[in-house]
PDB file of N, CA and C in Angstrom:
ATOM      1  N   MET A   1     -18.702 -83.025 -26.860  1.00  0.00           N
ATOM      2  CA  MET A   1     -17.960 -81.821 -27.054  1.00  0.00           C
ATOM      3  C   MET A   1     -16.466 -82.120 -26.960  1.00  0.00           C
ATOM      4  N   PRO A   2     -15.629 -81.616 -27.868  1.00  0.00           N
ATOM      5  CA  PRO A   2     -14.214 -81.925 -27.915  1.00  0.00           C
ATOM      6  C   PRO A   2     -13.527 -81.317 -26.645  1.00  0.00           C
ATOM      7  N   ASP A   3     -12.561 -82.086 -26.186  1.00  0.00           N
ATOM      8  CA  ASP A   3     -11.750 -81.606 -25.037  1.00  0.00           C
ATOM      9  C   ASP A   3     -10.528 -80.823 -25.492  1.00  0.00           C
ATOM     10  N   ALA A   4     -10.035 -79.967 -24.635  1.00  0.00           N
ATOM     11  CA  ALA A   4      -8.800 -79.239 -24.830  1.00  0.00           C
ATOM     12  C   ALA A   4      -7.810 -79.734 -23.755  1.00  0.00           C
ATOM     13  N   VAL A   5      -6.525 -79.430 -23.987  1.00  0.00           N
ATOM     14  CA  VAL A   5      -5.514 -79.720 -23.045  1.00  0.00           C
ATOM     15  C   VAL A   5      -4.770 -78.430 -22.662  1.00  0.00           C
ATOM     16  N   GLY A   6      -4.620 -78.197 -21.349  1.00  0.00           N
ATOM     17  CA  GLY A   6      -3.889 -77.023 -20.902  1.00  0.00           C
ATOM     18  C   GLY A   6      -2.719 -77.443 -20.067  1.00  0.00           C
ATOM     19  N   VAL A   7      -1.636 -76.793 -20.223  1.00  0.00           N
ATOM     20  CA  VAL A   7      -0.365 -77.139 -19.575  1.00  0.00           C
ATOM     21  C   VAL A   7       0.286 -75.851 -18.962  1.00  0.00           C
ATOM     22  N   ILE A   8       0.708 -76.006 -17.754  1.00  0.00           N
ATOM     23  CA  ILE A   8       1.488 -74.943 -17.090  1.00  0.00           C
ATOM     24  C   ILE A   8       2.799 -75.599 -16.565  1.00  0.00           C
ATOM     25  N   GLU A   9       3.940 -74.910 -16.809  1.00  0.00           N
ATOM     26  CA  GLU A   9       5.227 -75.370 -16.294  1.00  0.00           C
ATOM     27  C   GLU A   9       5.822 -74.225 -15.463  1.00  0.00           C
ATOM     28  N   THR A  10       6.265 -74.549 -14.265  1.00  0.00           N
ATOM     29  CA  THR A  10       6.876 -73.531 -13.410  1.00  0.00           C
ATOM     30  C   THR A  10       8.234 -74.044 -12.882  1.00  0.00           C
ATOM     31  N   LEU A  11       9.015 -73.070 -12.355  1.00  0.00           N
ATOM     32  CA  LEU A  11      10.270 -73.361 -11.740  1.00  0.00           C
ATOM     33  C   LEU A  11       9.879 -73.382 -10.189  1.00  0.00           C
ATOM     34  N   GLY A  12       9.892 -74.575  -9.563  1.00  0.00           N
ATOM     35  CA  GLY A  12       9.569 -74.677  -8.145  1.00  0.00           C
ATOM     36  C   GLY A  12       8.274 -75.238  -7.939  1.00  0.00           C
ATOM     37  N   PHE A  13       8.136 -76.078  -6.838  1.00  0.00           N
ATOM     38  CA  PHE A  13       6.928 -76.787  -6.541  1.00  0.00           C
ATOM     39  C   PHE A  13       5.792 -75.958  -5.947  1.00  0.00           C
ATOM     40  N   PRO A  14       6.041 -74.965  -5.112  1.00  0.00           N
ATOM     41  CA  PRO A  14       4.914 -74.144  -4.596  1.00  0.00           C
ATOM     42  C   PRO A  14       4.053 -73.509  -5.717  1.00  0.00           C
ATOM     43  N   GLY A  15       4.718 -73.071  -6.730  1.00  0.00           N
ATOM     44  CA  GLY A  15       3.932 -72.420  -7.850  1.00  0.00           C
ATOM     45  C   GLY A  15       3.042 -73.375  -8.506  1.00  0.00           C
ATOM     46  N   ILE A  16       3.561 -74.559  -8.843  1.00  0.00           N
ATOM     47  CA  ILE A  16       2.670 -75.528  -9.546  1.00  0.00           C
ATOM     48  C   ILE A  16       1.589 -76.059  -8.649  1.00  0.00           C
ATOM     49  N   LEU A  17       1.800 -76.134  -7.418  1.00  0.00           N
ATOM     50  CA  LEU A  17       0.761 -76.590  -6.462  1.00  0.00           C
ATOM     51  C   LEU A  17      -0.350 -75.467  -6.500  1.00  0.00           C
ATOM     52  N   ALA A  18       0.005 -74.242  -6.364  1.00  0.00           N
ATOM     53  CA  ALA A  18      -0.956 -73.145  -6.365  1.00  0.00           C
ATOM     54  C   ALA A  18      -1.711 -73.089  -7.729  1.00  0.00           C
ATOM     55  N   ALA A  19      -0.978 -73.361  -8.806  1.00  0.00           N
ATOM     56  CA  ALA A  19      -1.574 -73.283 -10.114  1.00  0.00           C
ATOM     57  C   ALA A  19      -2.595 -74.434 -10.273  1.00  0.00           C
ATOM     58  N   ALA A  20      -2.185 -75.641  -9.925  1.00  0.00           N
ATOM     59  CA  ALA A  20      -3.097 -76.790  -9.982  1.00  0.00           C
ATOM     60  C   ALA A  20      -4.359 -76.571  -9.184  1.00  0.00           C
ATOM     61  N   ASP A  21      -4.215 -76.067  -7.932  1.00  0.00           N
ATOM     62  CA  ASP A  21      -5.352 -75.804  -7.115  1.00  0.00           C
ATOM     63  C   ASP A  21      -6.269 -74.795  -7.773  1.00  0.00           C
ATOM     64  N   ALA A  22      -5.723 -73.711  -8.176  1.00  0.00           N
ATOM     65  CA  ALA A  22      -6.551 -72.661  -8.889  1.00  0.00           C
ATOM     66  C   ALA A  22      -7.195 -73.244 -10.134  1.00  0.00           C
ATOM     67  N   MET A  23      -6.546 -74.038 -10.863  1.00  0.00           N
ATOM     68  CA  MET A  23      -7.029 -74.520 -12.150  1.00  0.00           C
ATOM     69  C   MET A  23      -8.332 -75.385 -11.940  1.00  0.00           C
ATOM     70  N   VAL A  24      -8.291 -76.216 -10.999  1.00  0.00           N
ATOM     71  CA  VAL A  24      -9.480 -77.124 -10.684  1.00  0.00           C
ATOM     72  C   VAL A  24     -10.587 -76.402 -10.037  1.00  0.00           C
ATOM     73  N   LYS A  25     -10.314 -75.343  -9.339  1.00  0.00           N
ATOM     74  CA  LYS A  25     -11.381 -74.563  -8.626  1.00  0.00           C
ATOM     75  C   LYS A  25     -11.979 -73.550  -9.575  1.00  0.00           C
ATOM     76  N   ALA A  26     -11.247 -73.113 -10.704  1.00  0.00           N
ATOM     77  CA  ALA A  26     -11.735 -72.053 -11.586  1.00  0.00           C
ATOM     78  C   ALA A  26     -12.692 -72.649 -12.622  1.00  0.00           C
ATOM     79  N   ALA A  27     -12.541 -73.849 -12.964  1.00  0.00           N
ATOM     80  CA  ALA A  27     -13.392 -74.381 -14.040  1.00  0.00           C
ATOM     81  C   ALA A  27     -13.530 -75.902 -13.904  1.00  0.00           C
ATOM     82  N   ARG A  28     -14.387 -76.493 -14.766  1.00  0.00           N
ATOM     83  CA  ARG A  28     -14.607 -77.914 -14.709  1.00  0.00           C
ATOM     84  C   ARG A  28     -13.602 -78.643 -15.563  1.00  0.00           C
ATOM     85  N   VAL A  29     -12.380 -78.860 -15.020  1.00  0.00           N
ATOM     86  CA  VAL A  29     -11.305 -79.577 -15.670  1.00  0.00           C
ATOM     87  C   VAL A  29     -10.811 -80.658 -14.813  1.00  0.00           C
ATOM     88  N   THR A  30     -10.070 -81.532 -15.374  1.00  0.00           N
ATOM     89  CA  THR A  30      -9.553 -82.699 -14.642  1.00  0.00           C
ATOM     90  C   THR A  30      -8.006 -82.736 -14.850  1.00  0.00           C
ATOM     91  N   ILE A  31      -7.227 -82.816 -13.702  1.00  0.00           N
ATOM     92  CA  ILE A  31      -5.801 -82.980 -13.796  1.00  0.00           C
ATOM     93  C   ILE A  31      -5.528 -84.393 -14.338  1.00  0.00           C
ATOM     94  N   VAL A  32      -4.902 -84.517 -15.480  1.00  0.00           N
ATOM     95  CA  VAL A  32      -4.622 -85.813 -16.097  1.00  0.00           C
ATOM     96  C   VAL A  32      -3.101 -86.214 -15.952  1.00  0.00           C
ATOM     97  N   TYR A  33      -2.238 -85.235 -15.639  1.00  0.00           N
ATOM     98  CA  TYR A  33      -0.845 -85.537 -15.500  1.00  0.00           C
ATOM     99  C   TYR A  33      -0.129 -84.450 -14.758  1.00  0.00           C
ATOM    100  N   PHE A  34       0.839 -84.907 -14.022  1.00  0.00           N
ATOM    101  CA  PHE A  34       1.740 -84.009 -13.293  1.00  0.00           C
ATOM    102  C   PHE A  34       3.167 -84.684 -13.241  1.00  0.00           C
ATOM    103  N   ASP A  35       4.155 -83.915 -13.408  1.00  0.00           N
ATOM    104  CA  ASP A  35       5.517 -84.498 -13.372  1.00  0.00           C
ATOM    105  C   ASP A  35       6.592 -83.454 -13.114  1.00  0.00           C
ATOM    106  N   ILE A  36       7.731 -83.867 -12.868  1.00  0.00           N
ATOM    107  CA  ILE A  36       8.888 -83.079 -12.713  1.00  0.00           C
ATOM    108  C   ILE A  36       9.615 -83.072 -14.013  1.00  0.00           C
ATOM    109  N   ALA A  37       9.925 -81.860 -14.592  1.00  0.00           N
ATOM    110  CA  ALA A  37      10.745 -81.746 -15.758  1.00  0.00           C
ATOM    111  C   ALA A  37      12.130 -81.777 -15.377  1.00  0.00           C
ATOM    112  N   GLU A  38      12.945 -80.856 -15.778  1.00  0.00           N
ATOM    113  CA  GLU A  38      14.332 -80.772 -15.450  1.00  0.00           C
ATOM    114  C   GLU A  38      14.668 -79.570 -14.649  1.00  0.00           C
ATOM    115  N   LYS A  39      15.759 -79.515 -13.920  1.00  0.00           N
ATOM    116  CA  LYS A  39      16.224 -78.419 -13.167  1.00  0.00           C
ATOM    117  C   LYS A  39      15.188 -77.916 -12.160  1.00  0.00           C
ATOM    118  N   GLY A  40      14.335 -78.731 -11.602  1.00  0.00           N
ATOM    119  CA  GLY A  40      13.419 -78.216 -10.644  1.00  0.00           C
ATOM    120  C   GLY A  40      12.182 -77.660 -11.276  1.00  0.00           C
ATOM    121  N   ASN A  41      11.960 -77.872 -12.504  1.00  0.00           N
ATOM    122  CA  ASN A  41      10.688 -77.505 -13.233  1.00  0.00           C
ATOM    123  C   ASN A  41       9.546 -78.533 -13.038  1.00  0.00           C
ATOM    124  N   PHE A  42       8.425 -78.041 -12.771  1.00  0.00           N
ATOM    125  CA  PHE A  42       7.273 -78.891 -12.630  1.00  0.00           C
ATOM    126  C   PHE A  42       6.180 -78.559 -13.617  1.00  0.00           C
ATOM    127  N   TYR A  43       5.424 -79.532 -14.025  1.00  0.00           N
ATOM    128  CA  TYR A  43       4.348 -79.150 -14.933  1.00  0.00           C
ATOM    129  C   TYR A  43       3.110 -79.951 -14.545  1.00  0.00           C
ATOM    130  N   VAL A  44       1.935 -79.366 -14.874  1.00  0.00           N
ATOM    131  CA  VAL A  44       0.595 -79.897 -14.666  1.00  0.00           C
ATOM    132  C   VAL A  44      -0.173 -79.781 -15.927  1.00  0.00           C
ATOM    133  N   VAL A  45      -0.946 -80.796 -16.210  1.00  0.00           N
ATOM    134  CA  VAL A  45      -1.755 -80.936 -17.417  1.00  0.00           C
ATOM    135  C   VAL A  45      -3.189 -81.162 -17.022  1.00  0.00           C
ATOM    136  N   VAL A  46      -4.047 -80.317 -17.615  1.00  0.00           N
ATOM    137  CA  VAL A  46      -5.471 -80.519 -17.320  1.00  0.00           C
ATOM    138  C   VAL A  46      -6.211 -80.745 -18.684  1.00  0.00           C
ATOM    139  N   ARG A  47      -7.414 -81.400 -18.572  1.00  0.00           N
ATOM    140  CA  ARG A  47      -8.225 -81.580 -19.780  1.00  0.00           C
ATOM    141  C   ARG A  47      -9.624 -81.200 -19.437  1.00  0.00           C
ATOM    142  N   GLY A  48     -10.382 -80.829 -20.409  1.00  0.00           N
ATOM    143  CA  GLY A  48     -11.763 -80.500 -20.188  1.00  0.00           C
ATOM    144  C   GLY A  48     -12.258 -79.881 -21.541  1.00  0.00           C
ATOM    145  N   PRO A  49     -13.477 -79.303 -21.507  1.00  0.00           N
ATOM    146  CA  PRO A  49     -14.010 -78.625 -22.676  1.00  0.00           C
ATOM    147  C   PRO A  49     -13.153 -77.341 -22.869  1.00  0.00           C
ATOM    148  N   VAL A  50     -13.052 -76.974 -24.173  1.00  0.00           N
ATOM    149  CA  VAL A  50     -12.232 -75.772 -24.532  1.00  0.00           C
ATOM    150  C   VAL A  50     -12.672 -74.603 -23.703  1.00  0.00           C
ATOM    151  N   SER A  51     -14.004 -74.370 -23.589  1.00  0.00           N
ATOM    152  CA  SER A  51     -14.531 -73.250 -22.794  1.00  0.00           C
ATOM    153  C   SER A  51     -14.179 -73.290 -21.360  1.00  0.00           C
ATOM    154  N   GLU A  52     -13.754 -74.400 -20.793  1.00  0.00           N
ATOM    155  CA  GLU A  52     -13.402 -74.521 -19.415  1.00  0.00           C
ATOM    156  C   GLU A  52     -11.862 -74.496 -19.259  1.00  0.00           C
ATOM    157  N   VAL A  53     -11.124 -74.989 -20.239  1.00  0.00           N
ATOM    158  CA  VAL A  53      -9.671 -75.081 -20.071  1.00  0.00           C
ATOM    159  C   VAL A  53      -9.076 -73.646 -20.137  1.00  0.00           C
ATOM    160  N   LYS A  54      -9.587 -72.751 -20.978  1.00  0.00           N
ATOM    161  CA  LYS A  54      -9.030 -71.423 -21.112  1.00  0.00           C
ATOM    162  C   LYS A  54      -9.125 -70.621 -19.739  1.00  0.00           C
ATOM    163  N   PRO A  55     -10.273 -70.569 -19.039  1.00  0.00           N
ATOM    164  CA  PRO A  55     -10.204 -69.889 -17.825  1.00  0.00           C
ATOM    165  C   PRO A  55      -9.427 -70.592 -16.720  1.00  0.00           C
ATOM    166  N   SER A  56      -9.403 -71.875 -16.820  1.00  0.00           N
ATOM    167  CA  SER A  56      -8.657 -72.734 -15.874  1.00  0.00           C
ATOM    168  C   SER A  56      -7.165 -72.382 -15.913  1.00  0.00           C
ATOM    169  N   VAL A  57      -6.612 -72.335 -17.149  1.00  0.00           N
ATOM    170  CA  VAL A  57      -5.203 -72.077 -17.351  1.00  0.00           C
ATOM    171  C   VAL A  57      -4.905 -70.573 -16.924  1.00  0.00           C
ATOM    172  N   ALA A  58      -5.870 -69.639 -17.279  1.00  0.00           N
ATOM    173  CA  ALA A  58      -5.663 -68.263 -16.833  1.00  0.00           C
ATOM    174  C   ALA A  58      -5.582 -68.086 -15.331  1.00  0.00           C
ATOM    175  N   ALA A  59      -6.462 -68.849 -14.632  1.00  0.00           N
ATOM    176  CA  ALA A  59      -6.424 -68.814 -13.125  1.00  0.00           C
ATOM    177  C   ALA A  59      -5.197 -69.496 -12.548  1.00  0.00           C
ATOM    178  N   GLY A  60      -4.764 -70.566 -13.175  1.00  0.00           N
ATOM    179  CA  GLY A  60      -3.504 -71.203 -12.766  1.00  0.00           C
ATOM    180  C   GLY A  60      -2.287 -70.360 -12.961  1.00  0.00           C
ATOM    181  N   LEU A  61      -2.248 -69.642 -14.057  1.00  0.00           N
ATOM    182  CA  LEU A  61      -1.153 -68.730 -14.330  1.00  0.00           C
ATOM    183  C   LEU A  61      -1.106 -67.576 -13.300  1.00  0.00           C
ATOM    184  N   ALA A  62      -2.311 -67.010 -13.005  1.00  0.00           N
ATOM    185  CA  ALA A  62      -2.307 -65.961 -11.978  1.00  0.00           C
ATOM    186  C   ALA A  62      -1.849 -66.435 -10.659  1.00  0.00           C
ATOM    187  N   ALA A  63      -2.319 -67.587 -10.207  1.00  0.00           N
ATOM    188  CA  ALA A  63      -1.957 -68.148  -8.947  1.00  0.00           C
ATOM    189  C   ALA A  63      -0.431 -68.419  -8.898  1.00  0.00           C
ATOM    190  N   ALA A  64       0.133 -69.027  -9.907  1.00  0.00           N
ATOM    191  CA  ALA A  64       1.569 -69.271  -9.986  1.00  0.00           C
ATOM    192  C   ALA A  64       2.386 -67.993  -9.903  1.00  0.00           C
ATOM    193  N   MET A  65       1.974 -66.945 -10.676  1.00  0.00           N
ATOM    194  CA  MET A  65       2.710 -65.736 -10.698  1.00  0.00           C
ATOM    195  C   MET A  65       2.620 -64.973  -9.367  1.00  0.00           C
ATOM    196  N   ASN A  66       1.613 -65.239  -8.592  1.00  0.00           N
ATOM    197  CA  ASN A  66       1.444 -64.604  -7.289  1.00  0.00           C
ATOM    198  C   ASN A  66       2.064 -65.422  -6.171  1.00  0.00           C
ATOM    199  N   THR A  67       2.735 -66.513  -6.501  1.00  0.00           N
ATOM    200  CA  THR A  67       3.379 -67.358  -5.511  1.00  0.00           C
ATOM    201  C   THR A  67       4.807 -66.940  -5.350  1.00  0.00           C
ATOM    202  N   PHE A  68       5.301 -66.595  -4.176  1.00  0.00           N
ATOM    203  CA  PHE A  68       6.633 -66.045  -3.942  1.00  0.00           C
ATOM    204  C   PHE A  68       7.666 -67.037  -4.456  1.00  0.00           C
ATOM    205  N   GLY A  69       8.621 -66.551  -5.189  1.00  0.00           N
ATOM    206  CA  GLY A  69       9.764 -67.362  -5.634  1.00  0.00           C
ATOM    207  C   GLY A  69       9.471 -68.265  -6.863  1.00  0.00           C
ATOM    208  N   THR A  70       8.312 -68.099  -7.403  1.00  0.00           N
ATOM    209  CA  THR A  70       7.881 -68.932  -8.608  1.00  0.00           C
ATOM    210  C   THR A  70       8.077 -68.260  -9.856  1.00  0.00           C
ATOM    211  N   GLU A  71       8.617 -68.956 -10.828  1.00  0.00           N
ATOM    212  CA  GLU A  71       8.737 -68.411 -12.216  1.00  0.00           C
ATOM    213  C   GLU A  71       7.959 -69.329 -13.154  1.00  0.00           C
ATOM    214  N   VAL A  72       7.067 -68.763 -13.855  1.00  0.00           N
ATOM    215  CA  VAL A  72       6.341 -69.446 -14.885  1.00  0.00           C
ATOM    216  C   VAL A  72       7.219 -69.618 -16.079  1.00  0.00           C
ATOM    217  N   ILE A  73       7.518 -70.862 -16.433  1.00  0.00           N
ATOM    218  CA  ILE A  73       8.451 -71.152 -17.525  1.00  0.00           C
ATOM    219  C   ILE A  73       7.708 -71.181 -18.857  1.00  0.00           C
ATOM    220  N   SER A  74       6.582 -71.879 -18.850  1.00  0.00           N
ATOM    221  CA  SER A  74       5.801 -72.107 -20.119  1.00  0.00           C
ATOM    222  C   SER A  74       4.350 -72.402 -19.813  1.00  0.00           C
ATOM    223  N   HIS A  75       3.521 -72.105 -20.742  1.00  0.00           N
ATOM    224  CA  HIS A  75       2.082 -72.533 -20.668  1.00  0.00           C
ATOM    225  C   HIS A  75       1.548 -72.582 -22.046  1.00  0.00           C
ATOM    226  N   TYR A  76       0.575 -73.391 -22.304  1.00  0.00           N
ATOM    227  CA  TYR A  76      -0.078 -73.452 -23.541  1.00  0.00           C
ATOM    228  C   TYR A  76      -1.374 -74.203 -23.465  1.00  0.00           C
ATOM    229  N   ILE A  77      -2.195 -73.999 -24.437  1.00  0.00           N
ATOM    230  CA  ILE A  77      -3.496 -74.672 -24.568  1.00  0.00           C
ATOM    231  C   ILE A  77      -3.555 -75.272 -25.968  1.00  0.00           C
ATOM    232  N   VAL A  78      -3.956 -76.606 -26.044  1.00  0.00           N
ATOM    233  CA  VAL A  78      -4.200 -77.242 -27.329  1.00  0.00           C
ATOM    234  C   VAL A  78      -5.654 -77.587 -27.457  1.00  0.00           C
ATOM    235  N   PRO A  79      -6.471 -76.796 -28.206  1.00  0.00           N
ATOM    236  CA  PRO A  79      -7.820 -77.114 -28.394  1.00  0.00           C
ATOM    237  C   PRO A  79      -8.018 -78.307 -29.339  1.00  0.00           C
ATOM    238  N   ASN A  80      -8.851 -79.188 -28.920  1.00  0.00           N
ATOM    239  CA  ASN A  80      -9.207 -80.332 -29.767  1.00  0.00           C
ATOM    240  C   ASN A  80      -8.017 -81.117 -30.245  1.00  0.00           C
ATOM    241  N   PRO A  81      -7.205 -81.686 -29.387  1.00  0.00           N
ATOM    242  CA  PRO A  81      -5.989 -82.382 -29.863  1.00  0.00           C
ATOM    243  C   PRO A  81      -6.482 -83.655 -30.711  1.00  0.00           C
ATOM    244  N   PRO A  82      -5.775 -83.980 -31.765  1.00  0.00           N
ATOM    245  CA  PRO A  82      -6.066 -85.187 -32.585  1.00  0.00           C
ATOM    246  C   PRO A  82      -5.928 -86.460 -31.740  1.00  0.00           C
ATOM    247  N   GLU A  83      -6.662 -87.460 -32.123  1.00  0.00           N
ATOM    248  CA  GLU A  83      -6.609 -88.760 -31.390  1.00  0.00           C
ATOM    249  C   GLU A  83      -5.198 -89.320 -31.288  1.00  0.00           C
ATOM    250  N   ASN A  84      -4.416 -89.186 -32.349  1.00  0.00           N
ATOM    251  CA  ASN A  84      -3.060 -89.765 -32.305  1.00  0.00           C
ATOM    252  C   ASN A  84      -2.143 -89.020 -31.288  1.00  0.00           C
ATOM    253  N   VAL A  85      -2.342 -87.784 -31.048  1.00  0.00           N
ATOM    254  CA  VAL A  85      -1.625 -86.973 -30.046  1.00  0.00           C
ATOM    255  C   VAL A  85      -2.102 -87.530 -28.633  1.00  0.00           C
ATOM    256  N   VAL A  86      -3.358 -87.734 -28.486  1.00  0.00           N
ATOM    257  CA  VAL A  86      -3.813 -88.142 -27.174  1.00  0.00           C
ATOM    258  C   VAL A  86      -3.378 -89.566 -26.900  1.00  0.00           C
ATOM    259  N   ALA A  87      -3.331 -90.410 -27.873  1.00  0.00           N
ATOM    260  CA  ALA A  87      -2.824 -91.748 -27.696  1.00  0.00           C
ATOM    261  C   ALA A  87      -1.378 -91.891 -27.358  1.00  0.00           C
ATOM    262  N   VAL A  88      -0.532 -90.976 -27.851  1.00  0.00           N
ATOM    263  CA  VAL A  88       0.954 -91.024 -27.646  1.00  0.00           C
ATOM    264  C   VAL A  88       1.380 -90.295 -26.470  1.00  0.00           C
ATOM    265  N   LEU A  89       0.847 -89.143 -26.195  1.00  0.00           N
ATOM    266  CA  LEU A  89       1.211 -88.346 -25.003  1.00  0.00           C
ATOM    267  C   LEU A  89       0.501 -88.781 -23.808  1.00  0.00           C
ATOM    268  N   PRO A  90       1.012 -88.609 -22.556  1.00  0.00           N
ATOM    269  CA  PRO A  90       0.363 -88.986 -21.327  1.00  0.00           C
ATOM    270  C   PRO A  90      -0.726 -87.960 -20.924  1.00  0.00           C
ATOM    271  N   ILE A  91      -1.791 -87.778 -21.810  1.00  0.00           N
ATOM    272  CA  ILE A  91      -2.795 -86.825 -21.504  1.00  0.00           C
ATOM    273  C   ILE A  91      -4.220 -87.500 -21.559  1.00  0.00           C
ATOM    274  N   GLU A  92      -4.303 -88.829 -21.579  1.00  0.00           N
ATOM    275  CA  GLU A  92      -5.548 -89.435 -21.583  1.00  0.00           C
ATOM    276  C   GLU A  92      -6.149 -89.525 -20.246  1.00  0.00           C
ATOM    277  N   TYR A  93      -7.517 -89.567 -20.157  1.00  0.00           N
ATOM    278  CA  TYR A  93      -8.168 -89.810 -18.883  1.00  0.00           C
ATOM    279  C   TYR A  93      -7.869 -91.231 -18.516  1.00  0.00           C
ATOM    280  N   THR A  94      -7.387 -91.421 -17.298  1.00  0.00           N
ATOM    281  CA  THR A  94      -7.095 -92.794 -16.786  1.00  0.00           C
ATOM    282  C   THR A  94      -8.029 -93.157 -15.712  1.00  0.00           C
ATOM    283  N   GLU A  95      -8.044 -94.383 -15.269  1.00  0.00           N
ATOM    284  CA  GLU A  95      -8.834 -94.849 -14.196  1.00  0.00           C
ATOM    285  C   GLU A  95      -8.619 -94.049 -12.883  1.00  0.00           C
ATOM    286  N   ASP A  96      -7.359 -93.656 -12.751  1.00  0.00           N
ATOM    287  CA  ASP A  96      -6.948 -92.856 -11.536  1.00  0.00           C
ATOM    288  C   ASP A  96      -7.711 -91.602 -11.420  1.00  0.00           C
ATOM    289  N   VAL A  97      -7.963 -90.940 -12.558  1.00  0.00           N
ATOM    290  CA  VAL A  97      -8.599 -89.615 -12.502  1.00  0.00           C
ATOM    291  C   VAL A  97     -10.096 -89.659 -12.933  1.00  0.00           C
ATOM    292  N   GLU A  98     -10.547 -90.783 -13.274  1.00  0.00           N
ATOM    293  CA  GLU A  98     -11.994 -90.931 -13.749  1.00  0.00           C
ATOM    294  C   GLU A  98     -13.019 -90.357 -12.794  1.00  0.00           C
ATOM    295  N   GLU A  99     -12.795 -90.650 -11.492  1.00  0.00           N
ATOM    296  CA  GLU A  99     -13.717 -90.261 -10.454  1.00  0.00           C
ATOM    297  C   GLU A  99     -13.798 -88.707 -10.336  1.00  0.00           C
ATOM    298  N   TYR A 100     -12.792 -88.012 -10.772  1.00  0.00           N
ATOM    299  CA  TYR A 100     -12.707 -86.575 -10.666  1.00  0.00           C
ATOM    300  C   TYR A 100     -13.254 -85.859 -11.922  1.00  0.00           C
ATOM    301  N   ARG A 101     -13.617 -86.529 -12.974  1.00  0.00           N
ATOM    302  CA  ARG A 101     -14.117 -85.912 -14.180  1.00  0.00           C
ATOM    303  C   ARG A 101     -15.414 -85.262 -13.952  1.00  0.00           C
ATOM    304  N   SER A 102     -15.568 -84.062 -14.482  1.00  0.00           N
ATOM    305  CA  SER A 102     -16.817 -83.290 -14.327  1.00  0.00           C
ATOM    306  C   SER A 102     -17.882 -83.742 -15.280  1.00  0.00           C
TER     307      SER A 102
END
């Protein structure tokens, strides 16, 4: 089954922590990347089946929006990204996250 990629970007760390927690608890997804963007923006990237990434991102957005002082900057879902996108961007499953794959 093809995987999808879901991304949430927030202003402030507490919101992205709440989002990441909610995302992995809401569906069978794996966090494949986390980083600091600019100006205190943080983002988290999950992968999993399309049918799992959609509710995962929805739960993450709800959690981030309910976190005091957090602003959701951006979010998106890419269903079935092509292999060249996966190879170039930091969204591949790595050895570090392999044990958490569902």
